[in-house]
Protein backbone atom coordinates (compact mmCIF):
# COMPACT_ATOMS: atom_id res chain seq x y z
CA MET A 1 -45.11 48.24 -27.11
CA TYR A 2 -45.89 48.72 -23.42
CA GLN A 3 -47.76 45.39 -23.37
CA ALA A 4 -44.71 43.71 -24.94
CA LEU A 5 -42.49 45.34 -22.37
CA LEU A 6 -44.62 44.14 -19.65
CA THR A 7 -44.86 40.43 -20.78
CA ARG A 8 -40.79 40.80 -21.00
CA ARG A 9 -40.59 41.82 -17.75
CA TYR A 10 -43.11 39.17 -16.34
CA LEU A 11 -41.26 36.54 -18.24
CA THR A 12 -37.74 37.71 -16.97
CA SER A 13 -38.69 38.15 -13.40
CA ARG A 14 -41.19 35.27 -12.99
CA VAL A 15 -41.10 32.54 -15.21
CA MET A 16 -37.69 32.33 -16.10
CA PRO A 17 -36.47 31.73 -12.88
CA LEU A 18 -38.76 29.12 -12.42
CA LEU A 19 -37.67 27.50 -15.63
CA ALA A 20 -33.91 27.57 -14.15
CA ALA A 21 -35.08 25.92 -10.61
CA LEU A 22 -36.74 23.50 -12.84
CA ALA A 23 -33.86 22.71 -14.78
CA VAL A 24 -31.65 22.16 -11.93
CA MET A 25 -34.52 19.95 -10.35
CA LEU A 26 -34.53 17.72 -13.42
CA CYS A 27 -30.79 17.53 -13.57
CA THR A 28 -30.43 16.83 -9.55
CA ALA A 29 -33.15 14.19 -9.88
CA MET A 30 -31.76 12.54 -12.96
CA VAL A 31 -28.34 12.16 -11.40
CA LEU A 32 -29.72 10.99 -8.39
CA ILE A 33 -31.94 8.53 -9.44
CA VAL A 34 -29.07 6.92 -11.93
CA TRP A 35 -26.89 6.66 -8.83
CA SER A 36 -29.06 5.23 -6.51
CA VAL A 37 -30.08 2.30 -8.86
CA MET A 38 -26.76 1.68 -9.90
CA SER A 39 -25.20 1.75 -6.67
CA GLY A 40 -28.05 -0.29 -5.10
CA PHE A 41 -27.37 -2.83 -7.94
CA LEU A 42 -23.89 -2.65 -6.91
CA GLY A 43 -24.24 -3.05 -2.97
CA MET A 44 -26.90 -6.40 -4.18
CA LEU A 45 -23.84 -7.76 -5.95
CA LEU A 46 -21.26 -7.16 -2.96
CA ASP A 47 -23.66 -8.65 -0.42
CA SER A 48 -24.24 -11.53 -2.80
CA GLY A 49 -20.32 -11.93 -3.44
CA ARG A 50 -19.70 -12.33 0.46
CA THR A 51 -22.29 -15.23 0.23
CA LEU A 52 -20.77 -18.27 0.17
CA MET A 53 -17.14 -16.97 0.49
CA GLY A 54 -17.12 -15.31 4.17
CA ASP A 55 -14.84 -12.16 4.79
CA ALA A 56 -11.57 -13.92 4.32
CA ALA A 57 -9.55 -17.32 3.78
CA ILE A 58 -6.59 -19.16 4.04
CA THR A 59 -6.17 -21.26 0.86
CA TRP A 60 -3.53 -24.16 -0.12
CA PRO A 61 -5.22 -25.58 -3.37
CA VAL A 62 -4.52 -29.47 -4.59
CA ALA A 63 -2.41 -30.70 -1.58
CA GLY A 64 -4.46 -28.77 1.25
CA ILE A 65 -3.86 -27.65 4.63
CA PRO A 66 -3.35 -30.41 7.36
CA TYR A 67 -4.26 -30.17 11.10
CA TYR A 68 -6.83 -27.63 10.11
CA GLU A 69 -8.87 -28.21 13.47
CA ASP A 70 -5.95 -26.55 15.29
CA LEU A 71 -5.63 -23.68 12.81
CA MET A 72 -9.30 -22.92 13.23
CA ASP A 73 -9.27 -23.14 17.09
CA ARG A 74 -6.32 -20.61 17.09
CA LEU A 75 -8.42 -18.37 14.67
CA GLU A 76 -11.50 -18.38 16.74
CA ALA A 77 -9.12 -17.57 19.67
CA ARG A 78 -8.54 -14.34 18.44
CA PRO A 79 -11.11 -11.67 19.35
CA GLU A 80 -11.42 -10.17 15.49
CA ILE A 81 -12.35 -13.48 14.45
CA ALA A 82 -16.17 -14.60 15.01
CA ALA A 83 -16.16 -18.20 13.18
CA THR A 84 -14.17 -20.25 10.70
CA THR A 85 -15.07 -23.20 8.53
CA PRO A 86 -13.12 -25.63 6.49
CA THR A 87 -14.09 -26.18 2.77
CA LEU A 88 -12.74 -28.61 0.14
CA GLU A 89 -12.83 -27.12 -3.49
CA THR A 90 -12.21 -29.07 -6.85
CA LEU A 91 -13.56 -29.66 -10.05
CA GLY A 92 -16.20 -32.58 -10.66
CA LEU A 93 -17.87 -34.16 -13.65
CA ILE A 94 -21.56 -34.28 -13.08
CA GLY A 95 -24.05 -36.82 -14.46
CA LEU A 96 -27.49 -35.28 -14.51
CA PRO A 97 -30.37 -37.45 -14.07
CA ASP A 98 -31.13 -37.06 -17.78
CA GLY A 99 -28.03 -37.98 -18.51
CA SER A 100 -26.31 -34.89 -19.81
CA PRO A 101 -22.85 -34.10 -18.45
CA GLU A 102 -21.73 -30.90 -16.71
CA ILE A 103 -18.41 -29.54 -14.95
CA TRP A 104 -19.09 -27.98 -11.96
CA THR A 105 -16.96 -26.43 -9.05
CA LEU A 106 -17.37 -28.86 -6.07
CA ILE A 107 -17.16 -27.38 -2.44
CA GLY A 108 -17.07 -29.70 0.22
CA VAL A 109 -18.48 -27.92 3.43
CA ASP A 110 -19.55 -28.85 6.75
CA GLY A 111 -23.04 -27.17 6.84
CA PRO A 112 -23.50 -25.69 10.36
CA SER A 113 -20.17 -24.19 10.57
CA TYR A 114 -20.29 -23.22 7.02
CA ASP A 115 -23.74 -21.49 7.89
CA ARG A 116 -21.89 -19.21 10.85
CA VAL A 117 -19.31 -17.94 8.45
CA THR A 118 -21.49 -17.46 5.08
CA SER A 119 -25.19 -17.08 6.07
CA TYR A 120 -25.57 -20.11 3.75
CA ALA A 121 -28.76 -21.03 5.14
CA GLU A 122 -30.31 -17.75 3.73
CA THR A 123 -29.35 -18.76 0.27
CA LEU A 124 -31.13 -21.95 0.21
CA TRP A 125 -34.07 -21.79 -2.63
CA TRP A 126 -36.22 -24.61 -1.63
CA LYS A 127 -37.47 -23.59 1.80
CA PRO A 128 -41.13 -22.57 2.96
CA ILE A 129 -42.33 -18.91 2.79
CA ASP A 130 -45.26 -17.39 4.27
CA LYS A 131 -45.75 -14.36 1.94
CA PRO A 132 -45.62 -14.47 -1.90
CA LEU A 133 -43.22 -12.29 -3.54
CA PRO A 134 -44.62 -9.09 -4.57
CA LYS A 135 -45.50 -10.02 -8.35
CA ASP A 136 -46.57 -13.35 -7.49
CA ARG A 137 -50.50 -12.54 -7.45
CA ASP A 138 -51.54 -16.08 -8.21
CA ARG A 139 -49.29 -17.56 -5.80
CA GLU A 140 -47.57 -19.71 -8.31
CA ASP A 141 -44.16 -19.99 -6.32
CA LEU A 142 -43.71 -23.59 -5.15
CA ARG A 143 -42.19 -22.69 -1.88
CA LEU A 144 -45.47 -21.51 -0.68
CA ARG A 145 -46.42 -25.24 -0.55
CA LEU A 146 -43.16 -26.73 0.89
CA SER A 147 -42.53 -28.17 4.30
CA ASN A 148 -39.19 -27.66 6.50
CA GLN A 149 -37.76 -30.91 4.93
CA TYR A 150 -35.89 -29.64 2.18
CA TYR A 151 -34.47 -26.68 4.29
CA ASP A 152 -33.33 -28.92 6.94
CA GLU A 153 -31.71 -31.60 4.58
CA GLY A 154 -30.05 -28.38 2.69
CA LEU A 155 -28.69 -27.23 5.72
CA ALA A 156 -27.26 -30.35 6.91
CA LEU A 157 -26.21 -31.51 3.50
CA THR A 158 -28.04 -35.02 4.36
CA GLU A 159 -30.82 -37.21 3.20
CA GLN A 160 -32.69 -39.85 4.69
CA ASP A 161 -32.43 -43.23 2.84
CA LEU A 162 -36.05 -44.31 2.22
CA GLU A 163 -34.85 -48.11 1.91
CA THR A 164 -32.35 -48.34 4.69
CA GLY A 165 -33.28 -45.35 6.68
CA ASP A 166 -29.60 -44.33 7.13
CA GLU A 167 -28.71 -40.87 6.68
CA LYS A 168 -26.19 -40.37 3.78
CA ALA A 169 -24.57 -37.38 2.16
CA ALA A 170 -26.25 -35.24 -0.24
CA VAL A 171 -25.38 -32.21 -2.63
CA VAL A 172 -26.49 -28.64 -3.25
CA PRO A 173 -26.29 -27.18 -6.36
CA GLY A 174 -26.58 -23.64 -7.58
CA ILE A 175 -30.24 -22.74 -8.71
CA TRP A 176 -28.90 -22.53 -12.34
CA ALA A 177 -26.47 -25.62 -12.32
CA THR A 178 -28.54 -28.04 -13.63
CA GLY A 179 -30.58 -26.21 -16.41
CA TYR A 180 -33.90 -27.75 -14.97
CA ASN A 181 -35.23 -24.51 -13.47
CA ARG A 182 -37.01 -21.44 -15.12
CA ARG A 183 -37.13 -18.37 -13.70
CA ASP A 184 -40.56 -16.44 -13.87
CA ILE A 185 -40.76 -12.79 -14.92
CA GLY A 186 -42.44 -12.31 -11.34
CA GLY A 187 -38.99 -13.28 -9.69
CA TRP A 188 -39.70 -16.65 -8.16
CA THR A 189 -38.23 -20.03 -9.83
CA ASN A 190 -40.28 -23.10 -10.79
CA ALA A 191 -38.89 -26.50 -11.92
CA ARG A 192 -39.01 -26.92 -15.41
CA PHE A 193 -38.95 -30.78 -15.79
CA ARG A 194 -39.15 -32.22 -12.21
CA PHE A 195 -38.75 -31.02 -8.72
CA MET A 196 -34.84 -31.31 -8.34
CA PRO A 197 -34.56 -31.69 -4.63
CA ASP A 198 -36.26 -35.13 -5.37
CA ALA A 199 -33.59 -36.18 -7.81
CA GLU A 200 -30.07 -37.83 -7.94
CA LEU A 201 -26.89 -37.02 -9.91
CA THR A 202 -23.51 -38.89 -10.38
CA ILE A 203 -20.42 -37.03 -9.28
CA SER A 204 -16.86 -38.08 -10.45
CA VAL A 205 -13.79 -36.36 -9.43
CA LEU A 206 -10.05 -36.98 -9.99
CA PRO A 207 -8.01 -37.70 -6.60
CA ILE A 208 -4.71 -35.82 -6.85
CA SER A 209 -1.68 -37.00 -4.78
CA GLN A 210 0.18 -34.28 -2.41
CA ARG A 211 2.95 -34.45 -5.43
CA GLY A 212 0.38 -33.26 -8.02
CA ALA A 213 -0.23 -36.77 -9.82
CA ALA A 214 -3.65 -38.20 -10.58
CA ILE A 215 -4.41 -41.21 -8.48
CA ASP A 216 -7.78 -42.72 -10.18
CA VAL A 217 -11.24 -41.54 -10.92
CA ALA A 218 -13.76 -41.59 -7.92
CA ALA A 219 -17.48 -41.65 -8.90
CA ARG A 220 -20.74 -41.47 -6.65
CA ARG A 221 -24.25 -40.94 -6.72
CA PHE A 222 -25.25 -38.15 -4.56
CA PRO A 223 -29.05 -37.22 -3.83
CA ILE A 224 -30.07 -33.53 -4.47
CA ALA A 225 -30.92 -31.84 -0.79
CA ASN A 226 -31.80 -28.42 -1.93
CA GLU A 227 -30.67 -25.74 -4.34
CA PHE A 228 -29.05 -22.59 -3.42
CA GLN A 229 -29.27 -18.88 -5.02
CA SER A 230 -26.14 -16.60 -3.96
CA GLY A 231 -27.24 -14.07 -6.65
CA LEU A 232 -24.19 -14.10 -8.51
CA TYR A 233 -25.04 -15.85 -11.74
CA GLU A 234 -21.52 -17.43 -12.48
CA VAL A 235 -21.66 -19.24 -8.84
CA ASP A 236 -25.15 -20.36 -9.05
CA ALA A 237 -24.78 -21.94 -12.49
CA ASN A 238 -21.28 -23.50 -12.07
CA THR A 239 -20.96 -24.41 -8.29
CA ALA A 240 -22.28 -27.23 -6.19
CA LEU A 241 -22.08 -27.84 -2.23
CA ILE A 242 -21.43 -31.45 -0.92
CA ARG A 243 -20.77 -32.74 2.54
CA LEU A 244 -17.16 -32.21 3.57
CA ASP A 245 -16.54 -35.82 4.69
CA ALA A 246 -17.85 -37.30 1.31
CA LEU A 247 -15.49 -35.13 -0.75
CA GLN A 248 -12.66 -35.86 1.43
CA GLU A 249 -13.13 -39.44 1.01
CA MET A 250 -13.55 -39.15 -2.60
CA LEU A 251 -10.29 -37.29 -3.10
CA ASP A 252 -8.25 -39.32 -0.72
CA MET A 253 -7.92 -36.26 1.68
CA ASN A 254 -9.68 -38.07 4.70
CA ALA A 255 -7.64 -39.25 7.64
CA ALA A 256 -5.91 -42.64 7.17
CA ASP A 257 -2.99 -44.50 8.59
CA ARG A 258 0.45 -43.41 7.75
CA VAL A 259 2.64 -46.42 6.73
CA GLU A 260 6.37 -46.83 6.60
CA ALA A 261 8.22 -47.43 3.21
CA PHE A 262 8.19 -50.83 1.97
CA ASP A 263 8.61 -53.00 -0.95
CA PRO A 264 5.20 -54.01 -2.49
CA PHE A 265 6.71 -57.04 -3.93
CA ALA A 266 8.65 -58.31 -0.99
CA VAL A 267 7.10 -61.74 0.37
CA GLU A 268 7.40 -63.44 3.64
CA ILE A 269 6.50 -66.82 5.06
CA ASP A 270 3.61 -67.05 7.60
CA GLU A 271 3.18 -69.37 10.45
CA GLU A 272 1.96 -72.00 8.08
CA GLY A 273 4.44 -72.00 5.79
CA ASN A 274 3.09 -70.15 2.98
CA GLU A 275 4.48 -67.10 1.04
CA THR A 276 2.39 -63.86 1.50
CA PHE A 277 3.12 -60.30 0.64
CA VAL A 278 4.73 -58.06 3.26
CA GLN A 279 1.97 -55.94 4.46
CA PRO A 280 3.04 -52.20 5.32
CA LYS A 281 3.17 -51.36 9.05
CA ALA A 282 1.56 -48.25 10.44
CA VAL A 283 3.11 -45.46 11.88
CA GLY A 284 1.13 -42.55 12.49
CA VAL A 285 -2.15 -41.15 11.02
CA GLU A 286 -2.22 -39.33 7.94
CA PRO A 287 -4.38 -36.09 8.88
CA ALA A 288 -7.43 -35.01 6.81
CA ARG A 289 -6.84 -31.84 4.75
CA VAL A 290 -9.13 -29.41 3.44
CA THR A 291 -8.02 -26.63 0.65
CA THR A 292 -9.56 -23.42 2.37
CA VAL A 293 -10.25 -22.14 5.89
CA MET A 294 -12.90 -19.41 5.42
CA ILE A 295 -12.90 -16.98 8.04
CA ARG A 296 -15.96 -14.63 9.43
CA ALA A 297 -15.02 -11.11 10.98
CA ALA A 298 -16.36 -10.03 14.48
CA ASP A 299 -18.80 -7.24 14.32
CA GLY A 300 -17.09 -4.16 13.49
CA VAL A 301 -13.93 -5.61 12.41
CA THR A 302 -13.17 -5.15 8.37
CA PRO A 303 -12.36 -8.10 6.15
CA GLN A 304 -9.00 -6.86 5.54
CA VAL A 305 -8.13 -6.62 9.59
CA ALA A 306 -9.42 -10.22 9.60
CA ARG A 307 -6.97 -11.08 6.70
CA ASP A 308 -4.07 -9.38 8.70
CA VAL A 309 -4.89 -11.15 11.82
CA ALA A 310 -5.07 -14.64 9.72
CA GLU A 311 -1.53 -13.94 8.61
CA ASP A 312 -0.02 -13.50 12.19
CA VAL A 313 -2.19 -17.02 13.51
CA TYR A 314 -1.19 -18.93 10.40
CA GLU A 315 2.58 -18.13 11.06
CA GLU A 316 1.88 -19.08 14.57
CA PHE A 317 0.28 -22.57 13.27
CA ALA A 318 3.04 -23.23 10.81
CA ALA A 319 5.93 -22.61 13.44
CA VAL A 320 4.04 -25.22 15.85
CA GLN A 321 3.24 -27.87 13.04
CA GLY A 322 6.64 -27.50 11.20
CA MET A 323 7.23 -29.02 7.54
CA GLU A 324 3.88 -31.02 7.56
CA VAL A 325 1.86 -27.80 6.95
CA PRO A 326 2.46 -25.47 3.71
CA ASP A 327 5.05 -22.63 4.03
CA PRO A 328 3.66 -19.16 5.08
CA GLN A 329 5.19 -17.61 2.20
CA PHE A 330 3.34 -19.57 -0.30
CA VAL A 331 -0.47 -19.97 1.30
CA ARG A 332 -2.82 -17.39 -0.14
CA ILE A 333 -4.78 -15.54 2.59
CA TYR A 334 -6.95 -13.08 0.88
CA THR A 335 -10.31 -11.08 1.58
CA TRP A 336 -13.52 -12.27 -0.42
CA GLU A 337 -12.99 -8.97 -2.51
CA GLN A 338 -9.58 -10.07 -3.56
CA ARG A 339 -10.53 -13.67 -4.93
CA ASP A 340 -9.69 -14.45 -8.36
CA GLY A 341 -12.74 -13.67 -10.56
CA VAL A 342 -14.39 -11.65 -7.81
CA ARG A 343 -12.04 -9.01 -7.67
CA THR A 344 -12.15 -7.99 -11.66
CA PHE A 345 -15.90 -8.31 -11.56
CA ILE A 346 -16.54 -5.69 -8.70
CA ALA A 347 -13.95 -3.55 -10.15
CA ALA A 348 -15.90 -3.72 -13.45
CA VAL A 349 -18.89 -2.87 -11.81
CA LYS A 350 -17.60 -0.12 -9.90
CA LYS A 351 -16.00 1.39 -13.04
CA GLU A 352 -19.24 1.08 -14.78
CA LEU A 353 -21.00 2.93 -11.81
CA ALA A 354 -18.33 5.76 -12.07
CA LEU A 355 -18.85 6.19 -15.56
CA THR A 356 -22.41 6.33 -15.49
CA VAL A 357 -22.51 9.17 -12.87
CA ALA A 358 -19.94 10.67 -14.68
CA LEU A 359 -21.83 10.84 -17.98
CA PHE A 360 -24.93 11.89 -16.48
CA GLY A 361 -23.13 14.54 -13.94
CA PHE A 362 -21.53 15.78 -17.38
CA ILE A 363 -25.16 15.84 -18.94
CA SER A 364 -26.14 17.76 -15.90
CA LEU A 365 -24.22 20.84 -17.07
CA THR A 366 -26.93 21.95 -19.01
CA ALA A 367 -28.07 23.48 -15.84
CA VAL A 368 -25.10 25.66 -15.90
CA PHE A 369 -25.74 27.09 -19.29
CA LEU A 370 -29.60 27.46 -18.77
CA VAL A 371 -28.96 29.39 -15.65
CA PHE A 372 -26.36 31.45 -17.31
CA ALA A 373 -28.78 32.13 -20.04
CA ILE A 374 -31.47 33.03 -18.02
CA PHE A 375 -29.63 35.36 -15.74
CA TRP A 376 -27.92 36.85 -18.74
CA SER A 377 -31.38 38.05 -19.92
CA MET A 378 -32.41 39.07 -16.57
CA VAL A 379 -29.30 41.37 -16.48
CA SER A 380 -30.25 42.83 -19.51
CA ASP A 381 -33.57 43.50 -18.69
CA LYS A 382 -32.75 45.27 -15.65
CA ILE A 383 -30.01 47.42 -16.79
CA LYS A 384 -31.74 50.69 -15.47
CA ASP A 385 -32.47 48.91 -11.97
CA ILE A 386 -28.74 47.99 -11.76
CA GLY A 387 -28.15 51.73 -12.55
CA ILE A 388 -30.36 53.17 -9.49
CA LEU A 389 -28.64 50.52 -7.30
CA ARG A 390 -25.02 51.78 -8.60
CA ALA A 391 -26.37 55.35 -8.23
CA MET A 392 -27.40 54.98 -4.63
CA GLY A 393 -23.98 53.76 -3.44
CA ALA A 394 -23.86 49.74 -4.10
CA SER A 395 -20.44 48.61 -4.90
CA LYS A 396 -19.77 46.53 -7.86
CA PRO A 397 -19.19 43.25 -5.68
CA GLY A 398 -22.67 44.22 -3.87
CA VAL A 399 -24.34 44.14 -7.24
CA ALA A 400 -22.35 40.81 -8.34
CA TRP A 401 -23.44 39.39 -4.86
CA ILE A 402 -27.22 40.09 -5.35
CA PHE A 403 -27.08 37.84 -8.70
CA ILE A 404 -24.88 35.09 -7.18
CA ARG A 405 -27.10 34.67 -4.23
CA TYR A 406 -30.20 34.80 -6.70
CA GLY A 407 -28.42 31.78 -8.43
CA ALA A 408 -27.65 30.00 -5.11
CA ALA A 409 -31.28 30.31 -4.29
CA ILE A 410 -32.51 28.83 -7.34
CA GLY A 411 -29.98 25.89 -6.79
CA VAL A 412 -31.31 25.49 -3.28
CA VAL A 413 -34.93 25.29 -4.40
CA GLY A 414 -34.23 23.01 -7.53
CA SER A 415 -31.94 20.93 -5.78
CA ILE A 416 -34.31 20.18 -2.83
CA LEU A 417 -37.28 19.64 -5.07
CA GLY A 418 -34.88 17.38 -7.36
CA GLY A 419 -33.85 15.37 -4.43
CA LEU A 420 -37.49 14.91 -3.19
CA ALA A 421 -38.59 13.91 -6.64
CA ALA A 422 -35.59 11.31 -6.78
CA TRP A 423 -36.58 9.93 -3.38
CA LEU A 424 -40.28 9.55 -4.54
CA ILE A 425 -39.42 7.96 -7.46
CA VAL A 426 -36.81 5.48 -6.40
CA SER A 427 -38.66 4.67 -3.27
CA ASN A 428 -41.82 3.84 -5.74
CA ILE A 429 -39.85 2.46 -8.40
CA ASN A 430 -40.81 -1.00 -8.33
CA PRO A 431 -44.50 -0.06 -8.32
CA ILE A 432 -43.89 2.50 -11.27
CA HIS A 433 -42.47 -0.24 -12.99
CA ASP A 434 -45.12 -2.75 -12.37
CA TRP A 435 -47.55 -0.04 -13.80
CA LEU A 436 -45.46 0.56 -16.91
CA GLY A 437 -45.16 -3.18 -17.66
CA THR A 438 -49.20 -3.39 -17.14
CA ALA A 439 -50.06 -0.22 -19.10
CA PHE A 440 -47.51 -0.21 -21.82
CA GLY A 441 -45.87 -3.89 -21.72
CA LEU A 442 -42.92 -1.99 -20.83
CA THR A 443 -40.33 -4.30 -18.79
CA VAL A 444 -36.95 -2.45 -18.10
CA TRP A 445 -35.99 -4.52 -15.23
CA ASP A 446 -36.47 -8.23 -16.28
CA PRO A 447 -35.42 -10.54 -13.41
CA GLU A 448 -34.52 -13.22 -16.09
CA ILE A 449 -31.83 -10.93 -17.07
CA TYR A 450 -30.64 -9.26 -14.16
CA TYR A 451 -31.40 -12.19 -11.48
CA PHE A 452 -32.70 -9.83 -8.87
CA PRO A 453 -36.60 -9.56 -8.58
CA GLN A 454 -36.60 -5.72 -7.44
CA ILE A 455 -35.14 -2.78 -8.56
CA PRO A 456 -32.94 -1.23 -5.79
CA ASN A 457 -34.94 1.45 -4.19
CA LYS A 458 -32.61 2.64 -1.68
CA VAL A 459 -31.26 6.46 -1.59
CA ASP A 460 -27.83 6.97 -0.36
CA PRO A 461 -28.06 10.08 1.97
CA ILE A 462 -24.38 10.90 0.98
CA ALA A 463 -25.01 10.54 -2.56
CA ALA A 464 -28.24 12.71 -2.18
CA LEU A 465 -26.25 15.32 -0.50
CA LEU A 466 -23.37 15.25 -3.16
CA VAL A 467 -25.62 15.37 -6.04
CA MET A 468 -27.79 18.27 -4.32
CA GLY A 469 -24.92 20.26 -3.38
CA GLY A 470 -23.61 20.14 -7.06
CA GLY A 471 -26.65 21.36 -8.12
CA VAL A 472 -26.66 24.57 -6.03
CA LEU A 473 -22.88 24.86 -7.21
CA PHE A 474 -23.89 24.33 -10.70
CA SER A 475 -26.57 27.55 -10.38
CA VAL A 476 -23.89 29.45 -8.65
CA ILE A 477 -21.56 28.88 -11.52
CA GLY A 478 -23.88 29.83 -14.29
CA ALA A 479 -24.77 32.79 -12.34
CA ILE A 480 -21.28 34.25 -12.09
CA ALA A 481 -20.75 35.53 -15.57
CA PRO A 482 -23.92 37.59 -15.38
CA ALA A 483 -23.35 38.76 -12.12
CA ILE A 484 -20.08 40.10 -13.36
CA LYS A 485 -21.75 41.64 -16.23
CA ALA A 486 -24.06 43.72 -13.96
CA ALA A 487 -21.14 44.52 -11.71
CA ARG A 488 -19.52 46.31 -14.57
CA MET A 489 -22.17 48.35 -15.69
CA ASP A 490 -21.74 52.25 -16.12
CA PRO A 491 -24.35 53.86 -13.84
CA VAL A 492 -24.52 56.99 -15.81
CA ARG A 493 -25.31 54.85 -19.22
CA SER A 494 -27.51 52.39 -17.25
CA LEU A 495 -29.98 55.31 -15.89
CA ARG A 496 -30.07 56.41 -19.54
CA PHE A 497 -31.14 53.02 -20.82
CA GLU A 498 -34.42 52.89 -22.35
């Protein structure tokens, strides 16, 4: 009997508080690990989303924006704007080297200025690298054996014609657009059939007049200078970059002579007395047009501020150019997060992150009930000790405060240990994942599915503080009811308790 009492008191005073701290630690670590990985994944998506889009944009589809060079100069004159670049977007029918057809979104770009706005050069895939990826232990990545040729051609969107030696426009498709590439489980990409930058494809586009009528089909063959990977699968699988002037020419959106109205069937007599059709007279120049001017904000300036500046600048630009440019009321000016398709995608990922964290946070409420059960048992076992404290003059709030502080102490210890455990696991999550794959054949983060070669491995300090604070709060909440029970005990009956 006496031995059982001693064992019970030992468990109550020593082991059970440790179990409560362990429960808080596990709950804190679980929520923080999930939050870190999910928020890291969202961060990767957001970083990838800004690639190829810039911070803000001014768009007028189909007809395009004339005198865009003037608009860009006005934008870059503002201190909030770091750089601008013109782009031309349309749909194109693509004939791949094996003859299969695809429909891609074509974006005509000026390589150097496009890189200043979007960091496009960083997305080029076929460029030499010095070190293999962490999982490429056998150095199978083709980029380890490349020269700078493909990188330079991809940035300039040009290739050298081997027969004539002339420079000609090229195309840079997304890494998954052709279907010729295979992503290795180690995170690198290998050409499945042939090395794509050495191939050519046929691009067909449909020029549209400023009134929205189709003119004719324009087709042209382009060499593939490189391939890019933005990190967003939908972009990488359905988009290709092409040199701006080449796409402008195919869509009849390049600079051209402006002619006066004339009768195409009118004839005249030339100097030799022969009848000839009347030739139109040039009365000016029709400016080249683009559908979008992309904007990169200056350091410290948010995309929303850049958008607001773009609205002001465009109104000034339209006031100077008059009726020849689109009305400011109808031109779309937006941040990269507000772009069609991107807005809903990012919103969905954010909701999934919030839902996941909320679910795991709800599961962590088990810590409240564990602390409650353990403290309730401790109070029941220490009735006589509580009676002695009350008999010596301790007040009811004083007795309750003892147990609440005890719960807070357990929460602090458990939260600190949980935060440390989460940091260790998240920081080493990729080696742990590799070990699980080697030892048990378990692959949770498959790059062929997620399109990121590494699991996000950064712990957000703010998230860590919030989760650890929640662990302390849950412990205090679990200790409140037992503390109230202890405070309400009658000291006389407590001293007589056996």
